[in-house]
Amino acid sequence: RRAMPLDVEFIAVVSATNAPMYFKVFTRANGMDIDSERAMARAHAALDAVDARMRDAALQSSSSSRDESYLGEVFRAHDGAAYGYATGTRARFVLGVSDEGSRAMDEREMRRIFDALAEAYAEAVCDVFSERCGRLEGERWRRRIDALFS
């Protein structure tokens, strides 16, 4: 386990049917709490941008490749950004990152983070013993998220 090089503000996971599956607001590296309403608003704006990019990509090409899953920066605010990812099953992930005290994000590193998140997601939704009712709430999921973002 290694320290996260970013000041991650939030993570959001939304199903293909736009149902919220997981939303977590993190505490800043400096120990300050993040405004959860502001994080939620940014997540919604970023998800709108992810949906628009997915529509544009569908219009441009009917084929998909693994590289199209990572959407890059999808939303920018004066003090942070949100990055997006869409799975082959149209679930979407958004990761909010603060610019305060963080170094610039390396695209390869962000892809690695989203690939690890997608792997954890696939494990969680395929867990036949989980009683999640459409939400990602299992202990294995929480441990994977904690390991990825701590």
N, C-alpha and C. Protein backbone atom coordinates (compact mmCIF):
# COMPACT_ATOMS: atom_id res chain seq x y z
N ARG A 1 0.85 -1.17 0.00
CA ARG A 1 0.00 0.00 0.00
C ARG A 1 0.89 1.23 0.00
N ARG A 2 0.52 2.21 -0.83
CA ARG A 2 1.32 3.42 -0.89
C ARG A 2 0.42 4.64 -0.74
N ALA A 3 1.00 5.74 -0.33
CA ALA A 3 0.21 6.94 -0.13
C ALA A 3 -0.30 7.46 -1.46
N MET A 4 -1.52 7.94 -1.46
CA MET A 4 -2.13 8.50 -2.65
C MET A 4 -1.46 9.84 -2.94
N PRO A 5 -0.94 10.04 -4.16
CA PRO A 5 -0.24 11.28 -4.47
C PRO A 5 -1.16 12.46 -4.71
N LEU A 6 -2.46 12.24 -4.67
CA LEU A 6 -3.43 13.28 -4.95
C LEU A 6 -4.24 13.60 -3.72
N ASP A 7 -4.88 14.74 -3.74
CA ASP A 7 -5.84 15.09 -2.71
C ASP A 7 -7.21 14.73 -3.28
N VAL A 8 -7.61 13.47 -3.11
CA VAL A 8 -8.86 12.97 -3.66
C VAL A 8 -10.02 13.51 -2.84
N GLU A 9 -10.97 14.13 -3.50
CA GLU A 9 -12.13 14.70 -2.82
C GLU A 9 -13.29 13.72 -2.73
N PHE A 10 -13.57 13.03 -3.84
CA PHE A 10 -14.72 12.13 -3.83
C PHE A 10 -14.56 11.07 -4.92
N ILE A 11 -15.35 10.01 -4.75
CA ILE A 11 -15.50 9.00 -5.78
C ILE A 11 -16.99 8.72 -5.91
N ALA A 12 -17.45 8.60 -7.14
CA ALA A 12 -18.85 8.29 -7.41
C ALA A 12 -18.91 7.14 -8.41
N VAL A 13 -19.80 6.19 -8.15
CA VAL A 13 -20.05 5.08 -9.07
C VAL A 13 -21.55 5.07 -9.36
N VAL A 14 -21.88 5.09 -10.65
CA VAL A 14 -23.28 5.15 -11.09
C VAL A 14 -23.51 4.01 -12.07
N SER A 15 -24.64 3.33 -11.92
CA SER A 15 -24.96 2.20 -12.79
C SER A 15 -25.36 2.67 -14.18
N ALA A 16 -25.52 1.72 -15.07
CA ALA A 16 -25.94 2.03 -16.45
C ALA A 16 -27.34 2.65 -16.49
N THR A 17 -28.12 2.41 -15.46
CA THR A 17 -29.48 2.98 -15.39
C THR A 17 -29.52 4.27 -14.57
N ASN A 18 -28.36 4.86 -14.34
CA ASN A 18 -28.20 6.11 -13.58
C ASN A 18 -28.52 5.97 -12.09
N ALA A 19 -28.54 4.77 -11.58
CA ALA A 19 -28.75 4.58 -10.15
C ALA A 19 -27.42 4.76 -9.42
N PRO A 20 -27.42 5.57 -8.35
CA PRO A 20 -26.17 5.72 -7.59
C PRO A 20 -25.83 4.41 -6.89
N MET A 21 -24.62 3.94 -7.09
CA MET A 21 -24.18 2.70 -6.47
C MET A 21 -23.23 2.95 -5.30
N TYR A 22 -22.47 4.05 -5.41
CA TYR A 22 -21.50 4.35 -4.35
C TYR A 22 -21.08 5.80 -4.46
N PHE A 23 -20.99 6.46 -3.32
CA PHE A 23 -20.49 7.83 -3.28
C PHE A 23 -19.76 7.99 -1.96
N LYS A 24 -18.54 8.45 -2.05
CA LYS A 24 -17.75 8.66 -0.84
C LYS A 24 -17.01 9.99 -0.96
N VAL A 25 -17.10 10.77 0.10
CA VAL A 25 -16.35 12.01 0.20
C VAL A 25 -15.21 11.76 1.16
N PHE A 26 -14.00 12.08 0.74
CA PHE A 26 -12.81 11.84 1.55
C PHE A 26 -12.48 13.06 2.41
N THR A 27 -11.63 12.85 3.38
CA THR A 27 -11.06 13.95 4.15
C THR A 27 -9.79 14.39 3.46
N ARG A 28 -9.55 15.67 3.39
CA ARG A 28 -8.34 16.19 2.75
C ARG A 28 -7.09 15.68 3.46
N ALA A 29 -5.99 15.69 2.73
CA ALA A 29 -4.71 15.26 3.28
C ALA A 29 -4.33 16.10 4.50
N ASN A 30 -4.78 17.35 4.54
CA ASN A 30 -4.46 18.22 5.67
C ASN A 30 -5.43 18.03 6.84
N GLY A 31 -6.34 17.05 6.73
CA GLY A 31 -7.27 16.75 7.80
C GLY A 31 -8.58 17.52 7.75
N MET A 32 -8.71 18.46 6.84
CA MET A 32 -9.93 19.26 6.73
C MET A 32 -11.01 18.45 6.00
N ASP A 33 -12.24 18.61 6.45
CA ASP A 33 -13.37 17.96 5.79
C ASP A 33 -13.68 18.66 4.47
N ILE A 34 -14.20 17.90 3.55
CA ILE A 34 -14.63 18.42 2.25
C ILE A 34 -16.13 18.62 2.32
N ASP A 35 -16.61 19.70 1.76
CA ASP A 35 -18.04 20.01 1.72
C ASP A 35 -18.74 18.95 0.86
N SER A 36 -19.56 18.11 1.49
CA SER A 36 -20.19 17.00 0.76
C SER A 36 -21.19 17.49 -0.28
N GLU A 37 -21.87 18.61 -0.02
CA GLU A 37 -22.81 19.13 -1.02
C GLU A 37 -22.07 19.62 -2.26
N ARG A 38 -20.93 20.28 -2.06
CA ARG A 38 -20.12 20.74 -3.19
C ARG A 38 -19.58 19.54 -3.97
N ALA A 39 -19.14 18.51 -3.25
CA ALA A 39 -18.64 17.30 -3.91
C ALA A 39 -19.74 16.63 -4.72
N MET A 40 -20.94 16.57 -4.17
CA MET A 40 -22.07 15.97 -4.89
C MET A 40 -22.40 16.77 -6.15
N ALA A 41 -22.38 18.09 -6.04
CA ALA A 41 -22.66 18.93 -7.21
C ALA A 41 -21.61 18.72 -8.29
N ARG A 42 -20.35 18.62 -7.89
CA ARG A 42 -19.28 18.37 -8.86
C ARG A 42 -19.42 16.99 -9.49
N ALA A 43 -19.81 16.02 -8.69
CA ALA A 43 -20.02 14.67 -9.23
C ALA A 43 -21.12 14.68 -10.27
N HIS A 44 -22.21 15.38 -10.00
CA HIS A 44 -23.31 15.46 -10.96
C HIS A 44 -22.87 16.14 -12.26
N ALA A 45 -22.13 17.24 -12.14
CA ALA A 45 -21.64 17.95 -13.33
C ALA A 45 -20.70 17.05 -14.13
N ALA A 46 -19.83 16.33 -13.43
CA ALA A 46 -18.89 15.43 -14.10
C ALA A 46 -19.63 14.28 -14.78
N LEU A 47 -20.65 13.74 -14.12
CA LEU A 47 -21.42 12.65 -14.74
C LEU A 47 -22.15 13.11 -15.98
N ASP A 48 -22.65 14.35 -15.98
CA ASP A 48 -23.26 14.90 -17.19
C ASP A 48 -22.24 14.95 -18.32
N ALA A 49 -21.00 15.36 -18.00
CA ALA A 49 -19.94 15.42 -19.01
C ALA A 49 -19.56 14.02 -19.50
N VAL A 50 -19.53 13.05 -18.59
CA VAL A 50 -19.24 11.66 -18.97
C VAL A 50 -20.31 11.17 -19.93
N ASP A 51 -21.57 11.40 -19.60
CA ASP A 51 -22.67 10.97 -20.47
C ASP A 51 -22.57 11.61 -21.85
N ALA A 52 -22.23 12.90 -21.90
CA ALA A 52 -22.08 13.59 -23.19
C ALA A 52 -20.95 12.98 -24.00
N ARG A 53 -19.83 12.69 -23.35
CA ARG A 53 -18.72 12.07 -24.08
C ARG A 53 -19.08 10.68 -24.57
N MET A 54 -19.82 9.93 -23.77
CA MET A 54 -20.23 8.60 -24.19
C MET A 54 -21.17 8.68 -25.39
N ARG A 55 -22.09 9.66 -25.40
CA ARG A 55 -22.99 9.85 -26.56
C ARG A 55 -22.18 10.23 -27.79
N ASP A 56 -21.22 11.16 -27.63
CA ASP A 56 -20.39 11.57 -28.76
C ASP A 56 -19.59 10.40 -29.31
N ALA A 57 -19.04 9.59 -28.43
CA ALA A 57 -18.25 8.44 -28.87
C ALA A 57 -19.13 7.43 -29.60
N ALA A 58 -20.35 7.25 -29.12
CA ALA A 58 -21.27 6.31 -29.78
C ALA A 58 -21.64 6.79 -31.17
N LEU A 59 -21.78 8.10 -31.35
CA LEU A 59 -22.10 8.66 -32.66
C LEU A 59 -20.93 8.54 -33.63
N GLN A 60 -19.72 8.66 -33.11
CA GLN A 60 -18.53 8.64 -33.96
C GLN A 60 -18.13 7.23 -34.38
N SER A 61 -18.39 6.26 -33.52
CA SER A 61 -17.93 4.91 -33.82
C SER A 61 -18.81 3.89 -33.12
N SER A 62 -19.10 2.82 -33.81
CA SER A 62 -19.88 1.76 -33.18
C SER A 62 -18.97 0.74 -32.51
N SER A 63 -17.69 0.81 -32.77
CA SER A 63 -16.76 -0.11 -32.12
C SER A 63 -16.19 0.54 -30.88
N SER A 64 -15.81 -0.28 -29.93
CA SER A 64 -15.20 0.27 -28.71
C SER A 64 -13.91 -0.48 -28.44
N SER A 65 -13.01 0.22 -27.82
CA SER A 65 -11.75 -0.40 -27.42
C SER A 65 -11.54 -0.13 -25.95
N ARG A 66 -10.60 -0.84 -25.37
CA ARG A 66 -10.30 -0.69 -23.96
C ARG A 66 -9.91 0.73 -23.62
N ASP A 67 -9.19 1.41 -24.50
CA ASP A 67 -8.73 2.76 -24.24
C ASP A 67 -9.87 3.77 -24.15
N GLU A 68 -11.01 3.48 -24.73
CA GLU A 68 -12.13 4.40 -24.67
C GLU A 68 -12.78 4.43 -23.29
N SER A 69 -12.49 3.46 -22.42
CA SER A 69 -13.08 3.44 -21.08
C SER A 69 -12.64 4.63 -20.26
N TYR A 70 -11.38 4.99 -20.36
CA TYR A 70 -10.85 6.13 -19.62
C TYR A 70 -11.18 7.40 -20.40
N LEU A 71 -11.90 8.31 -19.77
CA LEU A 71 -12.35 9.52 -20.46
C LEU A 71 -11.52 10.75 -20.14
N GLY A 72 -10.59 10.61 -19.21
CA GLY A 72 -9.74 11.74 -18.86
C GLY A 72 -10.47 12.76 -18.01
N GLU A 73 -9.96 13.99 -18.04
CA GLU A 73 -10.59 15.06 -17.28
C GLU A 73 -11.92 15.41 -17.94
N VAL A 74 -12.99 15.34 -17.15
CA VAL A 74 -14.32 15.61 -17.70
C VAL A 74 -14.94 16.87 -17.14
N PHE A 75 -14.38 17.39 -16.06
CA PHE A 75 -14.92 18.59 -15.44
C PHE A 75 -13.79 19.33 -14.74
N ARG A 76 -13.79 20.66 -14.87
CA ARG A 76 -12.75 21.48 -14.23
C ARG A 76 -13.43 22.61 -13.48
N ALA A 77 -13.03 22.78 -12.23
CA ALA A 77 -13.46 23.92 -11.42
C ALA A 77 -12.20 24.72 -11.07
N HIS A 78 -12.37 25.85 -10.45
CA HIS A 78 -11.22 26.71 -10.15
C HIS A 78 -10.23 26.05 -9.20
N ASP A 79 -10.68 25.09 -8.40
CA ASP A 79 -9.79 24.48 -7.42
C ASP A 79 -9.70 22.96 -7.51
N GLY A 80 -10.12 22.41 -8.63
CA GLY A 80 -10.04 20.95 -8.77
C GLY A 80 -10.59 20.47 -10.09
N ALA A 81 -10.54 19.17 -10.26
CA ALA A 81 -11.01 18.56 -11.50
C ALA A 81 -11.67 17.22 -11.18
N ALA A 82 -12.41 16.72 -12.14
CA ALA A 82 -13.00 15.40 -12.03
C ALA A 82 -12.62 14.61 -13.28
N TYR A 83 -12.31 13.35 -13.07
CA TYR A 83 -11.91 12.45 -14.15
C TYR A 83 -12.97 11.36 -14.27
N GLY A 84 -13.17 10.88 -15.49
CA GLY A 84 -14.23 9.91 -15.72
C GLY A 84 -13.77 8.62 -16.37
N TYR A 85 -14.58 7.60 -16.18
CA TYR A 85 -14.32 6.27 -16.71
C TYR A 85 -15.67 5.60 -16.92
N ALA A 86 -15.83 4.88 -18.01
CA ALA A 86 -17.06 4.14 -18.29
C ALA A 86 -16.72 2.69 -18.58
N THR A 87 -17.41 1.78 -17.93
CA THR A 87 -17.16 0.36 -18.16
C THR A 87 -17.88 -0.09 -19.43
N GLY A 88 -17.58 -1.30 -19.85
CA GLY A 88 -18.25 -1.87 -21.01
C GLY A 88 -19.74 -2.08 -20.78
N THR A 89 -20.14 -2.14 -19.51
CA THR A 89 -21.56 -2.30 -19.18
C THR A 89 -22.23 -0.96 -18.91
N ARG A 90 -21.55 0.14 -19.22
CA ARG A 90 -22.03 1.51 -19.11
C ARG A 90 -22.14 2.03 -17.68
N ALA A 91 -21.55 1.34 -16.73
CA ALA A 91 -21.41 1.92 -15.38
C ALA A 91 -20.36 3.02 -15.51
N ARG A 92 -20.51 4.06 -14.70
CA ARG A 92 -19.58 5.18 -14.78
C ARG A 92 -18.94 5.46 -13.44
N PHE A 93 -17.66 5.82 -13.48
CA PHE A 93 -16.91 6.20 -12.29
C PHE A 93 -16.45 7.63 -12.47
N VAL A 94 -16.52 8.41 -11.41
CA VAL A 94 -15.99 9.77 -11.41
C VAL A 94 -15.13 9.92 -10.17
N LEU A 95 -13.96 10.48 -10.37
CA LEU A 95 -13.02 10.72 -9.29
C LEU A 95 -12.73 12.21 -9.24
N GLY A 96 -13.05 12.85 -8.11
CA GLY A 96 -12.79 14.28 -7.94
C GLY A 96 -11.47 14.50 -7.23
N VAL A 97 -10.68 15.41 -7.76
CA VAL A 97 -9.34 15.67 -7.23
C VAL A 97 -9.18 17.17 -7.01
N SER A 98 -8.65 17.55 -5.86
CA SER A 98 -8.39 18.94 -5.55
C SER A 98 -7.04 19.35 -6.11
N ASP A 99 -6.94 20.58 -6.56
CA ASP A 99 -5.65 21.11 -7.02
C ASP A 99 -4.79 21.57 -5.85
N GLU A 100 -5.39 21.76 -4.69
CA GLU A 100 -4.68 22.28 -3.53
C GLU A 100 -3.67 21.27 -3.02
N GLY A 101 -2.41 21.58 -3.16
CA GLY A 101 -1.35 20.73 -2.62
C GLY A 101 -1.07 19.47 -3.41
N SER A 102 -1.74 19.29 -4.52
CA SER A 102 -1.53 18.08 -5.33
C SER A 102 -0.63 18.40 -6.51
N ARG A 103 0.11 17.41 -6.91
CA ARG A 103 0.90 17.57 -8.13
C ARG A 103 0.01 17.27 -9.32
N ALA A 104 0.46 17.65 -10.49
CA ALA A 104 -0.31 17.37 -11.71
C ALA A 104 -0.47 15.86 -11.88
N MET A 105 -1.62 15.46 -12.33
CA MET A 105 -1.91 14.03 -12.47
C MET A 105 -1.33 13.48 -13.75
N ASP A 106 -0.62 12.39 -13.61
CA ASP A 106 -0.07 11.65 -14.73
C ASP A 106 -1.20 10.79 -15.30
N GLU A 107 -1.44 10.91 -16.61
CA GLU A 107 -2.53 10.16 -17.24
C GLU A 107 -2.38 8.65 -17.05
N ARG A 108 -1.15 8.15 -17.13
CA ARG A 108 -0.95 6.71 -16.94
C ARG A 108 -1.34 6.28 -15.53
N GLU A 109 -1.02 7.12 -14.56
CA GLU A 109 -1.36 6.80 -13.18
C GLU A 109 -2.87 6.84 -12.98
N MET A 110 -3.53 7.82 -13.58
CA MET A 110 -4.98 7.90 -13.46
C MET A 110 -5.63 6.69 -14.12
N ARG A 111 -5.12 6.27 -15.26
CA ARG A 111 -5.64 5.05 -15.90
C ARG A 111 -5.47 3.84 -14.99
N ARG A 112 -4.33 3.76 -14.33
CA ARG A 112 -4.06 2.65 -13.41
C ARG A 112 -5.07 2.65 -12.27
N ILE A 113 -5.36 3.83 -11.74
CA ILE A 113 -6.33 3.95 -10.65
C ILE A 113 -7.70 3.49 -11.12
N PHE A 114 -8.13 3.96 -12.29
CA PHE A 114 -9.44 3.57 -12.80
C PHE A 114 -9.49 2.09 -13.16
N ASP A 115 -8.41 1.54 -13.68
CA ASP A 115 -8.39 0.10 -13.97
C ASP A 115 -8.55 -0.72 -12.69
N ALA A 116 -7.87 -0.29 -11.62
CA ALA A 116 -8.00 -0.97 -10.33
C ALA A 116 -9.42 -0.82 -9.78
N LEU A 117 -9.99 0.36 -9.95
CA LEU A 117 -11.36 0.59 -9.51
C LEU A 117 -12.33 -0.28 -10.31
N ALA A 118 -12.12 -0.40 -11.62
CA ALA A 118 -12.98 -1.23 -12.46
C ALA A 118 -12.88 -2.71 -12.06
N GLU A 119 -11.68 -3.14 -11.72
CA GLU A 119 -11.50 -4.52 -11.26
C GLU A 119 -12.25 -4.76 -9.95
N ALA A 120 -12.15 -3.82 -9.02
CA ALA A 120 -12.87 -3.94 -7.74
C ALA A 120 -14.38 -3.92 -7.98
N TYR A 121 -14.82 -3.08 -8.90
CA TYR A 121 -16.24 -3.00 -9.25
C TYR A 121 -16.73 -4.34 -9.81
N ALA A 122 -15.98 -4.90 -10.74
CA ALA A 122 -16.37 -6.17 -11.35
C ALA A 122 -16.48 -7.27 -10.29
N GLU A 123 -15.52 -7.31 -9.39
CA GLU A 123 -15.58 -8.30 -8.30
C GLU A 123 -16.82 -8.09 -7.44
N ALA A 124 -17.12 -6.83 -7.12
CA ALA A 124 -18.25 -6.53 -6.24
C ALA A 124 -19.58 -6.89 -6.88
N VAL A 125 -19.78 -6.55 -8.14
CA VAL A 125 -21.08 -6.82 -8.76
C VAL A 125 -21.24 -8.29 -9.12
N CYS A 126 -20.15 -9.03 -9.20
CA CYS A 126 -20.24 -10.46 -9.50
C CYS A 126 -20.27 -11.33 -8.25
N ASP A 127 -20.22 -10.71 -7.09
CA ASP A 127 -20.24 -11.46 -5.83
C ASP A 127 -21.66 -11.94 -5.56
N VAL A 128 -21.90 -13.21 -5.77
CA VAL A 128 -23.24 -13.77 -5.63
C VAL A 128 -23.70 -13.81 -4.17
N PHE A 129 -22.78 -13.67 -3.24
CA PHE A 129 -23.14 -13.74 -1.83
C PHE A 129 -23.41 -12.36 -1.23
N SER A 130 -23.23 -11.34 -2.03
CA SER A 130 -23.44 -9.98 -1.54
C SER A 130 -24.92 -9.62 -1.59
N GLU A 131 -25.40 -8.99 -0.54
CA GLU A 131 -26.78 -8.51 -0.49
C GLU A 131 -26.72 -6.99 -0.60
N ARG A 132 -26.51 -6.50 -1.79
CA ARG A 132 -26.25 -5.07 -1.96
C ARG A 132 -27.44 -4.28 -2.48
N CYS A 133 -28.44 -4.92 -3.04
CA CYS A 133 -29.63 -4.22 -3.56
C CYS A 133 -29.24 -3.07 -4.48
N GLY A 134 -28.30 -3.31 -5.39
CA GLY A 134 -27.89 -2.30 -6.35
C GLY A 134 -26.84 -1.33 -5.84
N ARG A 135 -26.37 -1.49 -4.61
CA ARG A 135 -25.37 -0.59 -4.04
C ARG A 135 -24.10 -1.37 -3.76
N LEU A 136 -22.99 -0.66 -3.80
CA LEU A 136 -21.70 -1.27 -3.50
C LEU A 136 -21.42 -1.02 -2.02
N GLU A 137 -21.71 -2.02 -1.20
CA GLU A 137 -21.60 -1.84 0.24
C GLU A 137 -20.84 -2.96 0.93
N GLY A 138 -20.36 -3.94 0.20
CA GLY A 138 -19.71 -5.08 0.82
C GLY A 138 -18.36 -4.74 1.46
N GLU A 139 -17.97 -5.59 2.37
CA GLU A 139 -16.69 -5.40 3.08
C GLU A 139 -15.50 -5.47 2.12
N ARG A 140 -15.54 -6.40 1.18
CA ARG A 140 -14.42 -6.49 0.21
C ARG A 140 -14.31 -5.21 -0.61
N TRP A 141 -15.44 -4.67 -1.04
CA TRP A 141 -15.44 -3.41 -1.80
C TRP A 141 -14.81 -2.30 -0.95
N ARG A 142 -15.25 -2.17 0.30
CA ARG A 142 -14.71 -1.12 1.18
C ARG A 142 -13.20 -1.28 1.38
N ARG A 143 -12.77 -2.51 1.57
CA ARG A 143 -11.32 -2.74 1.74
C ARG A 143 -10.55 -2.36 0.49
N ARG A 144 -11.08 -2.70 -0.68
CA ARG A 144 -10.40 -2.35 -1.94
C ARG A 144 -10.33 -0.83 -2.12
N ILE A 145 -11.41 -0.13 -1.83
CA ILE A 145 -11.42 1.32 -1.95
C ILE A 145 -10.45 1.92 -0.95
N ASP A 146 -10.47 1.46 0.28
CA ASP A 146 -9.54 1.97 1.30
C ASP A 146 -8.09 1.76 0.88
N ALA A 147 -7.79 0.59 0.33
CA ALA A 147 -6.42 0.30 -0.10
C ALA A 147 -6.01 1.18 -1.29
N LEU A 148 -6.94 1.43 -2.17
CA LEU A 148 -6.64 2.21 -3.36
C LEU A 148 -6.47 3.69 -3.06
N PHE A 149 -7.23 4.20 -2.11
CA PHE A 149 -7.23 5.65 -1.84
C PHE A 149 -6.68 6.03 -0.48
N SER A 150 -5.80 5.22 0.06
CA SER A 150 -5.18 5.62 1.33
C SER A 150 -3.68 5.76 1.21
